PDB file of N, CA and C in Angstrom:
ATOM      1  N   UNK A   1     130.528  76.245 139.475  1.00  0.00           N
ATOM      2  CA  UNK A   1     130.813  76.299 140.613  1.00  0.00           C
ATOM      3  C   UNK A   1     130.421  75.139 141.668  1.00  0.00           C
ATOM      4  N   UNK A   2     131.508  74.763 142.478  1.00  0.00           N
ATOM      5  CA  UNK A   2     131.313  73.677 143.260  1.00  0.00           C
ATOM      6  C   UNK A   2     130.551  73.888 144.572  1.00  0.00           C
ATOM      7  N   UNK A   3     130.096  73.173 145.298  1.00  0.00           N
ATOM      8  CA  UNK A   3     129.254  73.254 146.575  1.00  0.00           C
ATOM      9  C   UNK A   3     130.045  74.140 147.449  1.00  0.00           C
ATOM     10  N   UNK A   4     131.201  73.791 147.725  1.00  0.00           N
ATOM     11  CA  UNK A   4     132.166  74.386 148.558  1.00  0.00           C
ATOM     12  C   UNK A   4     132.473  75.866 148.246  1.00  0.00           C
ATOM     13  N   UNK A   5     132.498  76.136 146.820  1.00  0.00           N
ATOM     14  CA  UNK A   5     132.726  77.453 146.544  1.00  0.00           C
ATOM     15  C   UNK A   5     131.460  78.437 146.761  1.00  0.00           C
ATOM     16  N   UNK A   6     130.228  77.910 146.453  1.00  0.00           N
ATOM     17  CA  UNK A   6     129.001  78.459 146.754  1.00  0.00           C
ATOM     18  C   UNK A   6     128.943  78.880 148.189  1.00  0.00           C
ATOM     19  N   UNK A   7     129.264  77.893 149.088  1.00  0.00           N
ATOM     20  CA  UNK A   7     129.077  77.913 150.444  1.00  0.00           C
ATOM     21  C   UNK A   7     130.144  79.182 150.850  1.00  0.00           C
ATOM     22  N   UNK A   8     131.267  79.207 150.275  1.00  0.00           N
ATOM     23  CA  UNK A   8     132.232  80.169 150.828  1.00  0.00           C
ATOM     24  C   UNK A   8     131.727  81.602 150.363  1.00  0.00           C
ATOM     25  N   UNK A   9     131.320  81.672 148.856  1.00  0.00           N
ATOM     26  CA  UNK A   9     130.711  82.978 148.744  1.00  0.00           C
ATOM     27  C   UNK A   9     129.635  83.490 149.609  1.00  0.00           C
ATOM     28  N   UNK A  10     128.746  82.426 149.973  1.00  0.00           N
ATOM     29  CA  UNK A  10     127.583  83.010 150.923  1.00  0.00           C
ATOM     30  C   UNK A  10     128.097  83.457 152.222  1.00  0.00           C
ATOM     31  N   UNK A  11     129.198  82.696 152.691  1.00  0.00           N
ATOM     32  CA  UNK A  11     129.854  83.236 153.970  1.00  0.00           C
ATOM     33  C   UNK A  11     130.403  84.604 153.749  1.00  0.00           C
ATOM     34  N   UNK A  12     131.325  84.694 152.561  1.00  0.00           N
ATOM     35  CA  UNK A  12     131.695  86.090 152.449  1.00  0.00           C
ATOM     36  C   UNK A  12     130.831  87.227 152.505  1.00  0.00           C
ATOM     37  N   UNK A  13     129.581  86.891 151.634  1.00  0.00           N
ATOM     38  CA  UNK A  13     128.698  87.669 151.384  1.00  0.00           C
ATOM     39  C   UNK A  13     127.907  88.175 152.850  1.00  0.00           C
ATOM     40  N   UNK A  14     127.725  87.368 153.725  1.00  0.00           N
ATOM     41  CA  UNK A  14     127.183  87.456 154.995  1.00  0.00           C
ATOM     42  C   UNK A  14     127.987  88.201 155.739  1.00  0.00           C
ATOM     43  N   UNK A  15     129.443  88.098 155.661  1.00  0.00           N
ATOM     44  CA  UNK A  15     130.260  88.793 156.446  1.00  0.00           C
ATOM     45  C   UNK A  15     130.551  90.285 156.040  1.00  0.00           C
ATOM     46  N   UNK A  16     130.324  90.209 154.707  1.00  0.00           N
ATOM     47  CA  UNK A  16     130.433  91.577 154.232  1.00  0.00           C
ATOM     48  C   UNK A  16     129.203  92.531 154.458  1.00  0.00           C
ATOM     49  N   UNK A  17     128.102  91.766 154.673  1.00  0.00           N
ATOM     50  CA  UNK A  17     126.820  92.559 154.669  1.00  0.00           C
ATOM     51  C   UNK A  17     126.796  92.941 156.460  1.00  0.00           C
ATOM     52  N   UNK A  18     127.433  91.925 157.460  1.00  0.00           N
ATOM     53  CA  UNK A  18     127.438  92.407 158.627  1.00  0.00           C
ATOM     54  C   UNK A  18     128.327  93.588 158.895  1.00  0.00           C
ATOM     55  N   UNK A  19     129.480  93.912 158.166  1.00  0.00           N
ATOM     56  CA  UNK A  19     130.364  94.844 158.271  1.00  0.00           C
ATOM     57  C   UNK A  19     129.771  96.125 157.693  1.00  0.00           C
ATOM     58  N   UNK A  20     129.080  96.077 156.746  1.00  0.00           N
ATOM     59  CA  UNK A  20     128.511  97.132 156.101  1.00  0.00           C
ATOM     60  C   UNK A  20     127.332  97.603 157.104  1.00  0.00           C
ATOM     61  N   UNK A  21     126.578  97.028 157.650  1.00  0.00           N
ATOM     62  CA  UNK A  21     125.573  97.500 158.587  1.00  0.00           C
ATOM     63  C   UNK A  21     126.029  98.091 159.907  1.00  0.00           C
ATOM     64  N   UNK A  22     127.289  98.029 160.122  1.00  0.00           N
ATOM     65  CA  UNK A  22     127.820  98.504 161.289  1.00  0.00           C
ATOM     66  C   UNK A  22     128.306 100.002 161.266  1.00  0.00           C
ATOM     67  N   UNK A  23     127.509 100.699 160.606  1.00  0.00           N
ATOM     68  CA  UNK A  23     128.077 102.119 160.353  1.00  0.00           C
ATOM     69  C   UNK A  23     127.691 103.018 161.291  1.00  0.00           C
ATOM     70  N   UNK A  24     128.587 103.957 161.753  1.00  0.00           N
ATOM     71  CA  UNK A  24     128.394 104.665 162.805  1.00  0.00           C
ATOM     72  C   UNK A  24     127.980 106.148 162.430  1.00  0.00           C
ATOM     73  N   UNK A  25     127.246 106.316 161.349  1.00  0.00           N
ATOM     74  CA  UNK A  25     126.877 107.654 160.873  1.00  0.00           C
ATOM     75  C   UNK A  25     125.884 108.231 161.909  1.00  0.00           C
ATOM     76  N   UNK A  26     125.864 109.596 161.919  1.00  0.00           N
ATOM     77  CA  UNK A  26     124.735 110.227 162.919  1.00  0.00           C
ATOM     78  C   UNK A  26     123.920 111.314 161.972  1.00  0.00           C
ATOM     79  N   UNK A  27     122.653 110.956 162.212  1.00  0.00           N
ATOM     80  CA  UNK A  27     121.815 111.730 161.420  1.00  0.00           C
ATOM     81  C   UNK A  27     120.947 112.689 162.181  1.00  0.00           C
ATOM     82  N   UNK A  28     120.743 113.864 161.522  1.00  0.00           N
ATOM     83  CA  UNK A  28     120.175 114.831 162.404  1.00  0.00           C
ATOM     84  C   UNK A  28     118.444 114.426 162.420  1.00  0.00           C
ATOM     85  N   UNK A  29     118.196 114.054 161.205  1.00  0.00           N
ATOM     86  CA  UNK A  29     116.481 113.687 161.425  1.00  0.00           C
ATOM     87  C   UNK A  29     116.600 112.163 161.287  1.00  0.00           C
ATOM     88  N   UNK A  30     115.455 111.733 161.827  1.00  0.00           N
ATOM     89  CA  UNK A  30     115.115 110.051 161.968  1.00  0.00           C
ATOM     90  C   UNK A  30     114.830 109.750 160.660  1.00  0.00           C
ATOM     91  N   UNK A  31     114.037 110.349 159.763  1.00  0.00           N
ATOM     92  CA  UNK A  31     113.766 109.967 158.478  1.00  0.00           C
ATOM     93  C   UNK A  31     114.805 109.643 157.706  1.00  0.00           C
ATOM     94  N   UNK A  32     116.023 110.457 157.762  1.00  0.00           N
ATOM     95  CA  UNK A  32     117.168 110.280 156.966  1.00  0.00           C
ATOM     96  C   UNK A  32     117.697 109.001 157.437  1.00  0.00           C
ATOM     97  N   UNK A  33     117.990 108.783 158.693  1.00  0.00           N
ATOM     98  CA  UNK A  33     118.261 107.493 159.265  1.00  0.00           C
ATOM     99  C   UNK A  33     117.685 106.378 158.913  1.00  0.00           C
ATOM    100  N   UNK A  34     116.359 106.295 158.732  1.00  0.00           N
ATOM    101  CA  UNK A  34     115.369 105.147 158.297  1.00  0.00           C
ATOM    102  C   UNK A  34     115.756 105.009 156.744  1.00  0.00           C
ATOM    103  N   UNK A  35     115.870 106.050 155.909  1.00  0.00           N
ATOM    104  CA  UNK A  35     116.120 106.036 154.544  1.00  0.00           C
ATOM    105  C   UNK A  35     117.186 105.351 154.221  1.00  0.00           C
ATOM    106  N   UNK A  36     118.378 105.626 155.091  1.00  0.00           N
ATOM    107  CA  UNK A  36     119.699 105.117 154.878  1.00  0.00           C
ATOM    108  C   UNK A  36     119.526 103.725 155.171  1.00  0.00           C
ATOM    109  N   UNK A  37     118.985 103.200 156.258  1.00  0.00           N
ATOM    110  CA  UNK A  37     118.852 101.869 156.395  1.00  0.00           C
ATOM    111  C   UNK A  37     118.230 100.972 155.352  1.00  0.00           C
ATOM    112  N   UNK A  38     117.071 101.632 154.977  1.00  0.00           N
ATOM    113  CA  UNK A  38     116.291 100.892 153.923  1.00  0.00           C
ATOM    114  C   UNK A  38     117.255 100.927 152.455  1.00  0.00           C
ATOM    115  N   UNK A  39     117.900 101.711 152.236  1.00  0.00           N
ATOM    116  CA  UNK A  39     118.963 101.817 151.071  1.00  0.00           C
ATOM    117  C   UNK A  39     119.848 100.720 151.159  1.00  0.00           C
ATOM    118  N   UNK A  40     120.442 100.735 152.347  1.00  0.00           N
ATOM    119  CA  UNK A  40     121.412  99.661 152.567  1.00  0.00           C
ATOM    120  C   UNK A  40     120.955  98.409 152.582  1.00  0.00           C
ATOM    121  N   UNK A  41     119.679  97.842 153.245  1.00  0.00           N
ATOM    122  CA  UNK A  41     119.102  96.723 152.911  1.00  0.00           C
ATOM    123  C   UNK A  41     118.763  96.437 151.520  1.00  0.00           C
ATOM    124  N   UNK A  42     118.172  97.323 150.796  1.00  0.00           N
ATOM    125  CA  UNK A  42     118.021  97.091 149.257  1.00  0.00           C
ATOM    126  C   UNK A  42     119.448  96.875 148.586  1.00  0.00           C
ATOM    127  N   UNK A  43     120.298  97.477 148.736  1.00  0.00           N
ATOM    128  CA  UNK A  43     121.662  97.224 148.133  1.00  0.00           C
ATOM    129  C   UNK A  43     122.132  96.030 148.584  1.00  0.00           C
ATOM    130  N   UNK A  44     122.213  95.472 149.424  1.00  0.00           N
ATOM    131  CA  UNK A  44     122.325  94.180 149.888  1.00  0.00           C
ATOM    132  C   UNK A  44     121.685  93.026 149.317  1.00  0.00           C
ATOM    133  N   UNK A  45     120.235  93.172 149.216  1.00  0.00           N
ATOM    134  CA  UNK A  45     119.677  92.168 148.532  1.00  0.00           C
ATOM    135  C   UNK A  45     119.868  92.278 146.834  1.00  0.00           C
ATOM    136  N   UNK A  46     120.163  93.445 146.425  1.00  0.00           N
ATOM    137  CA  UNK A  46     120.646  93.539 145.109  1.00  0.00           C
ATOM    138  C   UNK A  46     122.044  92.798 144.740  1.00  0.00           C
ATOM    139  N   UNK A  47     122.806  92.897 145.628  1.00  0.00           N
ATOM    140  CA  UNK A  47     124.122  92.243 145.734  1.00  0.00           C
ATOM    141  C   UNK A  47     123.857  90.702 145.656  1.00  0.00           C
ATOM    142  N   UNK A  48     123.072  90.311 146.408  1.00  0.00           N
ATOM    143  CA  UNK A  48     122.824  88.936 146.655  1.00  0.00           C
ATOM    144  C   UNK A  48     122.289  88.531 145.285  1.00  0.00           C
ATOM    145  N   UNK A  49     121.315  89.158 144.670  1.00  0.00           N
ATOM    146  CA  UNK A  49     120.731  88.832 143.365  1.00  0.00           C
ATOM    147  C   UNK A  49     121.605  88.957 142.316  1.00  0.00           C
ATOM    148  N   UNK A  50     122.488  89.660 142.499  1.00  0.00           N
ATOM    149  CA  UNK A  50     123.581  89.805 141.460  1.00  0.00           C
ATOM    150  C   UNK A  50     124.810  88.598 141.509  1.00  0.00           C
ATOM    151  N   UNK A  51     124.924  88.122 142.680  1.00  0.00           N
ATOM    152  CA  UNK A  51     125.616  87.009 142.946  1.00  0.00           C
ATOM    153  C   UNK A  51     125.042  85.840 142.299  1.00  0.00           C
ATOM    154  N   UNK A  52     123.784  85.504 142.549  1.00  0.00           N
ATOM    155  CA  UNK A  52     122.927  84.486 142.100  1.00  0.00           C
ATOM    156  C   UNK A  52     122.958  84.444 140.557  1.00  0.00           C
ATOM    157  N   UNK A  53     122.619  85.615 140.021  1.00  0.00           N
ATOM    158  CA  UNK A  53     122.696  85.660 138.466  1.00  0.00           C
ATOM    159  C   UNK A  53     123.976  85.584 137.887  1.00  0.00           C
ATOM    160  N   UNK A  54     125.180  85.834 138.635  1.00  0.00           N
ATOM    161  CA  UNK A  54     126.465  85.517 138.266  1.00  0.00           C
ATOM    162  C   UNK A  54     126.820  84.009 138.022  1.00  0.00           C
ATOM    163  N   UNK A  55     126.334  83.385 139.095  1.00  0.00           N
ATOM    164  CA  UNK A  55     126.481  81.820 139.127  1.00  0.00           C
ATOM    165  C   UNK A  55     125.633  81.240 137.991  1.00  0.00           C
ATOM    166  N   UNK A  56     124.430  81.741 137.841  1.00  0.00           N
ATOM    167  CA  UNK A  56     123.737  81.125 136.820  1.00  0.00           C
ATOM    168  C   UNK A  56     124.358  81.359 135.460  1.00  0.00           C
ATOM    169  N   UNK A  57     124.775  82.505 135.144  1.00  0.00           N
ATOM    170  CA  UNK A  57     125.516  83.109 134.098  1.00  0.00           C
ATOM    171  C   UNK A  57     126.600  82.016 133.641  1.00  0.00           C
ATOM    172  N   UNK A  58     127.273  81.734 134.634  1.00  0.00           N
ATOM    173  CA  UNK A  58     128.616  80.741 134.651  1.00  0.00           C
ATOM    174  C   UNK A  58     128.048  79.294 134.289  1.00  0.00           C
ATOM    175  N   UNK A  59     126.940  78.999 134.679  1.00  0.00           N
ATOM    176  CA  UNK A  59     126.382  77.946 134.404  1.00  0.00           C
ATOM    177  C   UNK A  59     125.783  77.680 132.958  1.00  0.00           C
ATOM    178  N   UNK A  60     124.698  78.689 132.757  1.00  0.00           N
ATOM    179  CA  UNK A  60     123.842  78.531 131.829  1.00  0.00           C
ATOM    180  C   UNK A  60     123.844  79.963 131.214  1.00  0.00           C
ATOM    181  N   UNK A  61     124.782  80.282 130.084  1.00  0.00           N
ATOM    182  CA  UNK A  61     124.707  81.903 129.917  1.00  0.00           C
ATOM    183  C   UNK A  61     123.611  82.053 128.953  1.00  0.00           C
ATOM    184  N   UNK A  62     122.823  83.017 129.089  1.00  0.00           N
ATOM    185  CA  UNK A  62     121.728  83.371 128.097  1.00  0.00           C
ATOM    186  C   UNK A  62     121.620  84.749 127.938  1.00  0.00           C
ATOM    187  N   UNK A  63     121.053  85.352 126.811  1.00  0.00           N
ATOM    188  CA  UNK A  63     121.153  86.805 126.816  1.00  0.00           C
ATOM    189  C   UNK A  63     120.042  87.315 127.704  1.00  0.00           C
ATOM    190  N   UNK A  64     119.071  86.798 128.210  1.00  0.00           N
ATOM    191  CA  UNK A  64     118.185  87.317 129.442  1.00  0.00           C
ATOM    192  C   UNK A  64     119.036  87.471 130.670  1.00  0.00           C
ATOM    193  N   UNK A  65     119.658  86.365 131.123  1.00  0.00           N
ATOM    194  CA  UNK A  65     120.449  86.332 132.336  1.00  0.00           C
ATOM    195  C   UNK A  65     121.332  87.257 132.202  1.00  0.00           C
ATOM    196  N   UNK A  66     122.110  87.462 131.125  1.00  0.00           N
ATOM    197  CA  UNK A  66     123.099  88.655 131.269  1.00  0.00           C
ATOM    198  C   UNK A  66     122.682  89.937 131.093  1.00  0.00           C
ATOM    199  N   UNK A  67     121.446  90.122 130.372  1.00  0.00           N
ATOM    200  CA  UNK A  67     120.859  91.497 130.455  1.00  0.00           C
ATOM    201  C   UNK A  67     120.246  91.788 131.923  1.00  0.00           C
ATOM    202  N   UNK A  68     119.628  90.828 132.601  1.00  0.00           N
ATOM    203  CA  UNK A  68     119.444  90.934 133.903  1.00  0.00           C
ATOM    204  C   UNK A  68     120.375  91.420 134.925  1.00  0.00           C
ATOM    205  N   UNK A  69     121.661  90.766 134.653  1.00  0.00           N
ATOM    206  CA  UNK A  69     122.703  90.890 135.526  1.00  0.00           C
ATOM    207  C   UNK A  69     123.235  92.341 135.085  1.00  0.00           C
ATOM    208  N   UNK A  70     123.101  92.946 134.045  1.00  0.00           N
ATOM    209  CA  UNK A  70     123.668  94.252 133.873  1.00  0.00           C
ATOM    210  C   UNK A  70     122.778  95.298 134.286  1.00  0.00           C
ATOM    211  N   UNK A  71     121.507  95.050 134.426  1.00  0.00           N
ATOM    212  CA  UNK A  71     120.439  96.024 134.996  1.00  0.00           C
ATOM    213  C   UNK A  71     120.781  96.087 136.364  1.00  0.00           C
ATOM    214  N   UNK A  72     120.947  94.725 136.952  1.00  0.00           N
ATOM    215  CA  UNK A  72     121.232  94.667 138.505  1.00  0.00           C
ATOM    216  C   UNK A  72     122.399  95.551 138.999  1.00  0.00           C
ATOM    217  N   UNK A  73     123.397  95.325 137.989  1.00  0.00           N
ATOM    218  CA  UNK A  73     124.575  96.045 138.259  1.00  0.00           C
ATOM    219  C   UNK A  73     124.492  97.415 138.283  1.00  0.00           C
ATOM    220  N   UNK A  74     123.743  97.966 137.282  1.00  0.00           N
ATOM    221  CA  UNK A  74     123.463  99.375 137.078  1.00  0.00           C
ATOM    222  C   UNK A  74     122.796  99.982 138.380  1.00  0.00           C
ATOM    223  N   UNK A  75     121.797  99.157 138.975  1.00  0.00           N
ATOM    224  CA  UNK A  75     121.040  99.649 140.029  1.00  0.00           C
ATOM    225  C   UNK A  75     121.919  99.677 141.207  1.00  0.00           C
ATOM    226  N   UNK A  76     122.899  98.565 141.361  1.00  0.00           N
ATOM    227  CA  UNK A  76     123.816  98.614 142.464  1.00  0.00           C
ATOM    228  C   UNK A  76     124.733  99.946 142.431  1.00  0.00           C
ATOM    229  N   UNK A  77     125.041 100.290 141.047  1.00  0.00           N
ATOM    230  CA  UNK A  77     125.959 101.384 141.086  1.00  0.00           C
ATOM    231  C   UNK A  77     125.384 102.700 141.406  1.00  0.00           C
ATOM    232  N   UNK A  78     123.847 103.001 141.131  1.00  0.00           N
ATOM    233  CA  UNK A  78     123.236 104.030 141.263  1.00  0.00           C
ATOM    234  C   UNK A  78     123.057 104.163 142.818  1.00  0.00           C
ATOM    235  N   UNK A  79     122.529 103.153 143.596  1.00  0.00           N
ATOM    236  CA  UNK A  79     122.400 102.851 145.019  1.00  0.00           C
ATOM    237  C   UNK A  79     123.683 103.352 145.775  1.00  0.00           C
ATOM    238  N   UNK A  80     124.726 102.581 145.101  1.00  0.00           N
ATOM    239  CA  UNK A  80     125.903 102.822 145.862  1.00  0.00           C
ATOM    240  C   UNK A  80     126.547 104.530 145.736  1.00  0.00           C
ATOM    241  N   UNK A  81     126.381 104.987 144.580  1.00  0.00           N
ATOM    242  CA  UNK A  81     126.657 106.460 144.450  1.00  0.00           C
ATOM    243  C   UNK A  81     125.747 107.274 145.227  1.00  0.00           C
ATOM    244  N   UNK A  82     124.534 106.780 145.502  1.00  0.00           N
ATOM    245  CA  UNK A  82     123.659 107.748 146.255  1.00  0.00           C
ATOM    246  C   UNK A  82     123.897 107.638 147.724  1.00  0.00           C
ATOM    247  N   UNK A  83     124.317 106.522 148.020  1.00  0.00           N
ATOM    248  CA  UNK A  83     124.514 106.310 149.489  1.00  0.00           C
ATOM    249  C   UNK A  83     125.941 107.054 150.068  1.00  0.00           C
ATOM    250  N   UNK A  84     126.848 106.989 149.153  1.00  0.00           N
ATOM    251  CA  UNK A  84     128.034 107.537 149.581  1.00  0.00           C
ATOM    252  C   UNK A  84     128.300 109.138 149.340  1.00  0.00           C
TER     253      UNK A  84
END
């Protein structure tokens, strides 16, 4: 990936993260709202980690990197299902 492509991906990720944090959900309990916010932050960090691993996989594919990417993807799927 070129430097421009990496920068573009970072910008898109940042925009997506900003859009996702602008939810208008109303929670009856403060604890539920806090848990939702923490889960969103964790999901965003997992997406960023997945992107980094994807770039590493493209440049230097190895069994360890591919396995780590798959495990992060599974975690993202679990968190996404739980959040929705």
